All heavy atoms as atom14 arrays in JSON, in Angstrom:
{
  "sequence": "QPPDCMAQVAKKLTAEDLTAAAAWLSSQPLPAD",
  "atom14_mask": [
    [1, 1, 1, 1, 1, 1, 1, 1, 1, 0, 0, 0, 0, 0],
    [1, 1, 1, 1, 1, 1, 1, 0, 0, 0, 0, 0, 0, 0],
    [1, 1, 1, 1, 1, 1, 1, 0, 0, 0, 0, 0, 0, 0],
    [1, 1, 1, 1, 1, 1, 1, 1, 0, 0, 0, 0, 0, 0],
    [1, 1, 1, 1, 1, 1, 0, 0, 0, 0, 0, 0, 0, 0],
    [1, 1, 1, 1, 1, 1, 1, 1, 0, 0, 0, 0, 0, 0],
    [1, 1, 1, 1, 1, 0, 0, 0, 0, 0, 0, 0, 0, 0],
    [1, 1, 1, 1, 1, 1, 1, 1, 1, 0, 0, 0, 0, 0],
    [1, 1, 1, 1, 1, 1, 1, 0, 0, 0, 0, 0, 0, 0],
    [1, 1, 1, 1, 1, 0, 0, 0, 0, 0, 0, 0, 0, 0],
    [1, 1, 1, 1, 1, 1, 1, 1, 1, 0, 0, 0, 0, 0],
    [1, 1, 1, 1, 1, 1, 1, 1, 1, 0, 0, 0, 0, 0],
    [1, 1, 1, 1, 1, 1, 1, 1, 0, 0, 0, 0, 0, 0],
    [1, 1, 1, 1, 1, 1, 1, 0, 0, 0, 0, 0, 0, 0],
    [1, 1, 1, 1, 1, 0, 0, 0, 0, 0, 0, 0, 0, 0],
    [1, 1, 1, 1, 1, 1, 1, 1, 1, 0, 0, 0, 0, 0],
    [1, 1, 1, 1, 1, 1, 1, 1, 0, 0, 0, 0, 0, 0],
    [1, 1, 1, 1, 1, 1, 1, 1, 0, 0, 0, 0, 0, 0],
    [1, 1, 1, 1, 1, 1, 1, 0, 0, 0, 0, 0, 0, 0],
    [1, 1, 1, 1, 1, 0, 0, 0, 0, 0, 0, 0, 0, 0],
    [1, 1, 1, 1, 1, 0, 0, 0, 0, 0, 0, 0, 0, 0],
    [1, 1, 1, 1, 1, 0, 0, 0, 0, 0, 0, 0, 0, 0],
    [1, 1, 1, 1, 1, 0, 0, 0, 0, 0, 0, 0, 0, 0],
    [1, 1, 1, 1, 1, 1, 1, 1, 1, 1, 1, 1, 1, 1],
    [1, 1, 1, 1, 1, 1, 1, 1, 0, 0, 0, 0, 0, 0],
    [1, 1, 1, 1, 1, 1, 0, 0, 0, 0, 0, 0, 0, 0],
    [1, 1, 1, 1, 1, 1, 0, 0, 0, 0, 0, 0, 0, 0],
    [1, 1, 1, 1, 1, 1, 1, 1, 1, 0, 0, 0, 0, 0],
    [1, 1, 1, 1, 1, 1, 1, 0, 0, 0, 0, 0, 0, 0],
    [1, 1, 1, 1, 1, 1, 1, 1, 0, 0, 0, 0, 0, 0],
    [1, 1, 1, 1, 1, 1, 1, 0, 0, 0, 0, 0, 0, 0],
    [1, 1, 1, 1, 1, 0, 0, 0, 0, 0, 0, 0, 0, 0],
    [1, 1, 1, 1, 1, 1, 1, 1, 0, 0, 0, 0, 0, 0]
  ],
  "atom14_positions": [
    [[-2.56, -3.29, -14.85], [-1.97, -2.06, -14.35], [-2.18, -1.99, -12.83], [-3.19, -2.44, -12.32], [-2.59, -0.86, -15.05], [-2.32, -0.83, -16.55], [-2.87, 0.4, -17.21], [-2.84, 1.49, -16.66], [-3.4, 0.26, -18.42], [0.0, 0.0, 0.0], [0.0, 0.0, 0.0], [0.0, 0.0, 0.0], [0.0, 0.0, 0.0], [0.0, 0.0, 0.0]],
    [[-1.22, -1.44, -12.1], [-1.33, -1.4, -10.64], [-2.47, -0.49, -10.17], [-2.81, 0.48, -10.88], [0.04, -0.86, -10.21], [0.57, -0.12, -11.39], [0.04, -0.85, -12.6], [0.0, 0.0, 0.0], [0.0, 0.0, 0.0], [0.0, 0.0, 0.0], [0.0, 0.0, 0.0], [0.0, 0.0, 0.0], [0.0, 0.0, 0.0], [0.0, 0.0, 0.0]],
    [[-3.03, -0.84, -9.01], [-2.74, -2.0, -8.17], [-3.36, -3.28, -8.75], [-4.55, -3.3, -9.04], [-3.39, -1.64, -6.83], [-4.5, -0.69, -7.18], [-4.03, 0.08, -8.39], [0.0, 0.0, 0.0], [0.0, 0.0, 0.0], [0.0, 0.0, 0.0], [0.0, 0.0, 0.0], [0.0, 0.0, 0.0], [0.0, 0.0, 0.0], [0.0, 0.0, 0.0]],
    [[-2.53, -4.29, -8.92], [-2.94, -5.54, -9.57], [-3.57, -6.45, -8.52], [-2.93, -7.34, -7.97], [-1.73, -6.2, -10.21], [-2.13, -7.35, -11.14], [-3.3, -7.77, -11.08], [-1.27, -7.81, -11.91], [0.0, 0.0, 0.0], [0.0, 0.0, 0.0], [0.0, 0.0, 0.0], [0.0, 0.0, 0.0], [0.0, 0.0, 0.0], [0.0, 0.0, 0.0]],
    [[-4.86, -6.23, -8.25], [-5.52, -6.94, -7.15], [-5.63, -8.44, -7.42], [-5.53, -9.26, -6.5], [-6.89, -6.35, -6.89], [-8.0, -6.39, -8.31], [0.0, 0.0, 0.0], [0.0, 0.0, 0.0], [0.0, 0.0, 0.0], [0.0, 0.0, 0.0], [0.0, 0.0, 0.0], [0.0, 0.0, 0.0], [0.0, 0.0, 0.0], [0.0, 0.0, 0.0]],
    [[-5.84, -8.83, -8.69], [-5.99, -10.26, -8.97], [-4.68, -11.0, -8.71], [-4.7, -12.14, -8.24], [-6.44, -10.47, -10.41], [-7.93, -10.32, -10.61], [-8.94, -11.42, -9.55], [-8.26, -13.01, -9.97], [0.0, 0.0, 0.0], [0.0, 0.0, 0.0], [0.0, 0.0, 0.0], [0.0, 0.0, 0.0], [0.0, 0.0, 0.0], [0.0, 0.0, 0.0]],
    [[-3.57, -10.38, -9.0], [-2.29, -11.01, -8.68], [-2.14, -11.19, -7.18], [-1.68, -12.24, -6.69], [-1.14, -10.19, -9.24], [0.0, 0.0, 0.0], [0.0, 0.0, 0.0], [0.0, 0.0, 0.0], [0.0, 0.0, 0.0], [0.0, 0.0, 0.0], [0.0, 0.0, 0.0], [0.0, 0.0, 0.0], [0.0, 0.0, 0.0], [0.0, 0.0, 0.0]],
    [[-2.55, -10.18, -6.42], [-2.48, -10.27, -4.96], [-3.34, -11.43, -4.45], [-2.91, -12.21, -3.6], [-2.95, -8.97, -4.33], [-2.09, -7.75, -4.67], [-2.71, -6.48, -4.13], [-3.19, -6.44, -3.0], [-2.71, -5.42, -4.93], [0.0, 0.0, 0.0], [0.0, 0.0, 0.0], [0.0, 0.0, 0.0], [0.0, 0.0, 0.0], [0.0, 0.0, 0.0]],
    [[-4.55, -11.53, -4.97], [-5.47, -12.58, -4.52], [-4.94, -13.95, -4.9], [-4.9, -14.86, -4.07], [-6.87, -12.35, -5.15], [-7.76, -13.57, -4.95], [-7.52, -11.11, -4.55], [0.0, 0.0, 0.0], [0.0, 0.0, 0.0], [0.0, 0.0, 0.0], [0.0, 0.0, 0.0], [0.0, 0.0, 0.0], [0.0, 0.0, 0.0], [0.0, 0.0, 0.0]],
    [[-4.54, -14.12, -6.15], [-4.1, -15.44, -6.62], [-2.88, -15.93, -5.86], [-2.74, -17.13, -5.58], [-3.81, -15.38, -8.12], [0.0, 0.0, 0.0], [0.0, 0.0, 0.0], [0.0, 0.0, 0.0], [0.0, 0.0, 0.0], [0.0, 0.0, 0.0], [0.0, 0.0, 0.0], [0.0, 0.0, 0.0], [0.0, 0.0, 0.0], [0.0, 0.0, 0.0]],
    [[-1.99, -15.03, -5.5], [-0.77, -15.44, -4.81], [-1.01, -15.79, -3.35], [-0.18, -16.45, -2.72], [0.29, -14.33, -4.93], [0.84, -14.2, -6.35], [1.78, -13.01, -6.49], [2.27, -12.89, -7.92], [3.15, -11.71, -8.13], [0.0, 0.0, 0.0], [0.0, 0.0, 0.0], [0.0, 0.0, 0.0], [0.0, 0.0, 0.0], [0.0, 0.0, 0.0]],
    [[-2.15, -15.36, -2.81], [-2.46, -15.69, -1.42], [-3.17, -17.03, -1.28], [-3.3, -17.56, -0.17], [-3.34, -14.59, -0.81], [-2.6, -13.29, -0.55], [-3.54, -12.25, 0.05], [-2.8, -10.96, 0.36], [-3.7, -9.93, 0.94], [0.0, 0.0, 0.0], [0.0, 0.0, 0.0], [0.0, 0.0, 0.0], [0.0, 0.0, 0.0], [0.0, 0.0, 0.0]],
    [[-3.65, -17.58, -2.38], [-4.39, -18.84, -2.35], [-3.51, -19.98, -2.82], [-2.59, -19.81, -3.62], [-5.63, -18.74, -3.24], [-6.69, -17.74, -2.8], [-7.8, -17.66, -3.85], [-7.28, -18.13, -1.45], [0.0, 0.0, 0.0], [0.0, 0.0, 0.0], [0.0, 0.0, 0.0], [0.0, 0.0, 0.0], [0.0, 0.0, 0.0], [0.0, 0.0, 0.0]],
    [[-3.82, -21.16, -2.33], [-3.09, -22.35, -2.77], [-3.56, -22.76, -4.15], [-4.63, -22.34, -4.62], [-3.34, -23.51, -1.8], [-4.72, -23.89, -1.87], [-2.98, -23.13, -0.38], [0.0, 0.0, 0.0], [0.0, 0.0, 0.0], [0.0, 0.0, 0.0], [0.0, 0.0, 0.0], [0.0, 0.0, 0.0], [0.0, 0.0, 0.0], [0.0, 0.0, 0.0]],
    [[-2.78, -23.61, -4.8], [-3.19, -24.13, -6.1], [-4.5, -24.9, -5.99], [-5.35, -24.84, -6.9], [-2.08, -25.02, -6.67], [0.0, 0.0, 0.0], [0.0, 0.0, 0.0], [0.0, 0.0, 0.0], [0.0, 0.0, 0.0], [0.0, 0.0, 0.0], [0.0, 0.0, 0.0], [0.0, 0.0, 0.0], [0.0, 0.0, 0.0], [0.0, 0.0, 0.0]],
    [[-4.69, -25.59, -4.89], [-5.93, -26.34, -4.67], [-7.12, -25.39, -4.56], [-8.22, -25.69, -5.07], [-5.83, -27.2, -3.42], [-4.87, -28.37, -3.53], [-3.4, -27.95, -3.42], [-3.13, -26.8, -2.96], [-2.53, -28.75, -3.8], [0.0, 0.0, 0.0], [0.0, 0.0, 0.0], [0.0, 0.0, 0.0], [0.0, 0.0, 0.0], [0.0, 0.0, 0.0]],
    [[-6.93, -24.25, -3.91], [-8.0, -23.27, -3.79], [-8.37, -22.68, -5.15], [-9.55, -22.47, -5.46], [-7.61, -22.15, -2.84], [-7.77, -22.55, -1.37], [-8.48, -23.54, -1.1], [-7.2, -21.85, -0.51], [0.0, 0.0, 0.0], [0.0, 0.0, 0.0], [0.0, 0.0, 0.0], [0.0, 0.0, 0.0], [0.0, 0.0, 0.0], [0.0, 0.0, 0.0]],
    [[-7.38, -22.4, -5.96], [-7.65, -21.87, -7.3], [-8.44, -22.88, -8.12], [-9.38, -22.53, -8.84], [-6.35, -21.52, -8.01], [-5.49, -20.42, -7.37], [-4.28, -20.11, -8.23], [-6.3, -19.16, -7.13], [0.0, 0.0, 0.0], [0.0, 0.0, 0.0], [0.0, 0.0, 0.0], [0.0, 0.0, 0.0], [0.0, 0.0, 0.0], [0.0, 0.0, 0.0]],
    [[-8.08, -24.16, -8.01], [-8.79, -25.21, -8.72], [-10.23, -25.31, -8.24], [-11.16, -25.48, -9.03], [-8.08, -26.56, -8.53], [-6.76, -26.47, -9.1], [-8.84, -27.69, -9.2], [0.0, 0.0, 0.0], [0.0, 0.0, 0.0], [0.0, 0.0, 0.0], [0.0, 0.0, 0.0], [0.0, 0.0, 0.0], [0.0, 0.0, 0.0], [0.0, 0.0, 0.0]],
    [[-10.42, -25.2, -6.93], [-11.77, -25.29, -6.37], [-12.63, -24.13, -6.84], [-13.81, -24.31, -7.21], [-11.69, -25.31, -4.84], [0.0, 0.0, 0.0], [0.0, 0.0, 0.0], [0.0, 0.0, 0.0], [0.0, 0.0, 0.0], [0.0, 0.0, 0.0], [0.0, 0.0, 0.0], [0.0, 0.0, 0.0], [0.0, 0.0, 0.0], [0.0, 0.0, 0.0]],
    [[-12.08, -22.92, -6.83], [-12.84, -21.76, -7.27], [-13.23, -21.89, -8.74], [-14.38, -21.6, -9.12], [-12.03, -20.49, -7.05], [0.0, 0.0, 0.0], [0.0, 0.0, 0.0], [0.0, 0.0, 0.0], [0.0, 0.0, 0.0], [0.0, 0.0, 0.0], [0.0, 0.0, 0.0], [0.0, 0.0, 0.0], [0.0, 0.0, 0.0], [0.0, 0.0, 0.0]],
    [[-12.3, -22.34, -9.58], [-12.59, -22.5, -11.0], [-13.66, -23.56, -11.22], [-14.55, -23.4, -12.07], [-11.31, -22.86, -11.76], [0.0, 0.0, 0.0], [0.0, 0.0, 0.0], [0.0, 0.0, 0.0], [0.0, 0.0, 0.0], [0.0, 0.0, 0.0], [0.0, 0.0, 0.0], [0.0, 0.0, 0.0], [0.0, 0.0, 0.0], [0.0, 0.0, 0.0]],
    [[-13.61, -24.65, -10.47], [-14.59, -25.72, -10.62], [-15.99, -25.24, -10.25], [-16.97, -25.53, -10.95], [-14.2, -26.92, -9.76], [0.0, 0.0, 0.0], [0.0, 0.0, 0.0], [0.0, 0.0, 0.0], [0.0, 0.0, 0.0], [0.0, 0.0, 0.0], [0.0, 0.0, 0.0], [0.0, 0.0, 0.0], [0.0, 0.0, 0.0], [0.0, 0.0, 0.0]],
    [[-16.09, -24.48, -9.16], [-17.41, -24.01, -8.74], [-17.96, -22.97, -9.7], [-19.12, -23.05, -10.13], [-17.34, -23.43, -7.32], [-18.7, -23.09, -6.79], [-19.6, -23.94, -6.21], [-19.33, -21.79, -6.83], [-20.75, -23.26, -5.88], [-20.62, -21.94, -6.25], [-18.93, -20.54, -7.28], [-21.5, -20.88, -6.11], [-19.81, -19.47, -7.16], [-21.08, -19.65, -6.58]],
    [[-17.13, -21.99, -10.05], [-17.6, -20.93, -10.94], [-18.05, -21.47, -12.29], [-19.09, -21.05, -12.82], [-16.48, -19.89, -11.15], [-16.14, -19.01, -9.95], [-14.82, -18.28, -10.18], [-17.27, -18.02, -9.66], [0.0, 0.0, 0.0], [0.0, 0.0, 0.0], [0.0, 0.0, 0.0], [0.0, 0.0, 0.0], [0.0, 0.0, 0.0], [0.0, 0.0, 0.0]],
    [[-17.29, -22.38, -12.85], [-17.6, -22.88, -14.19], [-18.82, -23.78, -14.22], [-19.39, -24.03, -15.29], [-16.4, -23.64, -14.77], [-16.1, -24.79, -13.97], [0.0, 0.0, 0.0], [0.0, 0.0, 0.0], [0.0, 0.0, 0.0], [0.0, 0.0, 0.0], [0.0, 0.0, 0.0], [0.0, 0.0, 0.0], [0.0, 0.0, 0.0], [0.0, 0.0, 0.0]],
    [[-19.26, -24.27, -13.07], [-20.41, -25.19, -13.03], [-21.71, -24.51, -12.64], [-22.76, -25.16, -12.57], [-20.12, -26.33, -12.04], [-19.98, -25.85, -10.72], [0.0, 0.0, 0.0], [0.0, 0.0, 0.0], [0.0, 0.0, 0.0], [0.0, 0.0, 0.0], [0.0, 0.0, 0.0], [0.0, 0.0, 0.0], [0.0, 0.0, 0.0], [0.0, 0.0, 0.0]],
    [[-21.68, -23.19, -12.41], [-22.88, -22.49, -11.95], [-23.75, -22.04, -13.12], [-23.24, -21.57, -14.14], [-22.49, -21.27, -11.11], [-21.74, -21.62, -9.85], [-22.44, -22.69, -9.04], [-23.55, -22.49, -8.55], [-21.79, -23.85, -8.91], [0.0, 0.0, 0.0], [0.0, 0.0, 0.0], [0.0, 0.0, 0.0], [0.0, 0.0, 0.0], [0.0, 0.0, 0.0]],
    [[-25.06, -22.17, -12.97], [-25.96, -21.67, -14.02], [-25.97, -20.15, -14.06], [-25.71, -19.49, -13.05], [-27.33, -22.22, -13.59], [-27.22, -22.38, -12.1], [-25.79, -22.77, -11.84], [0.0, 0.0, 0.0], [0.0, 0.0, 0.0], [0.0, 0.0, 0.0], [0.0, 0.0, 0.0], [0.0, 0.0, 0.0], [0.0, 0.0, 0.0], [0.0, 0.0, 0.0]],
    [[-26.26, -19.62, -15.21], [-26.35, -18.16, -15.37], [-27.7, -17.67, -14.85], [-28.72, -18.35, -15.02], [-26.2, -17.76, -16.83], [-24.8, -17.56, -17.42], [-24.11, -16.39, -16.76], [-23.97, -18.81, -17.32], [0.0, 0.0, 0.0], [0.0, 0.0, 0.0], [0.0, 0.0, 0.0], [0.0, 0.0, 0.0], [0.0, 0.0, 0.0], [0.0, 0.0, 0.0]],
    [[-27.75, -16.5, -14.23], [-29.04, -15.93, -13.83], [-29.83, -15.48, -15.05], [-29.3, -15.42, -16.17], [-28.63, -14.74, -12.96], [-27.3, -14.35, -13.47], [-26.62, -15.62, -13.88], [0.0, 0.0, 0.0], [0.0, 0.0, 0.0], [0.0, 0.0, 0.0], [0.0, 0.0, 0.0], [0.0, 0.0, 0.0], [0.0, 0.0, 0.0], [0.0, 0.0, 0.0]],
    [[-31.09, -15.17, -14.84], [-31.93, -14.72, -15.95], [-31.35, -13.46, -16.6], [-31.37, -13.31, -17.82], [-33.35, -14.47, -15.46], [0.0, 0.0, 0.0], [0.0, 0.0, 0.0], [0.0, 0.0, 0.0], [0.0, 0.0, 0.0], [0.0, 0.0, 0.0], [0.0, 0.0, 0.0], [0.0, 0.0, 0.0], [0.0, 0.0, 0.0], [0.0, 0.0, 0.0]],
    [[-30.85, -12.55, -15.78], [-30.23, -11.33, -16.29], [-28.72, -11.51, -16.24], [-28.12, -11.53, -15.17], [-30.64, -10.13, -15.44], [-30.02, -8.82, -15.94], [-29.36, -8.84, -17.0], [-30.21, -7.79, -15.28], [0.0, 0.0, 0.0], [0.0, 0.0, 0.0], [0.0, 0.0, 0.0], [0.0, 0.0, 0.0], [0.0, 0.0, 0.0], [0.0, 0.0, 0.0]]
  ]
}
């Protein structure tokens, strides 16, 4: 539902940037909490 901030962010980044963000996020350990 608007304002759709994630759509705004994703459209401003290149496909390579999206891939890089996904690679980093998915490889990070979880904090204790």
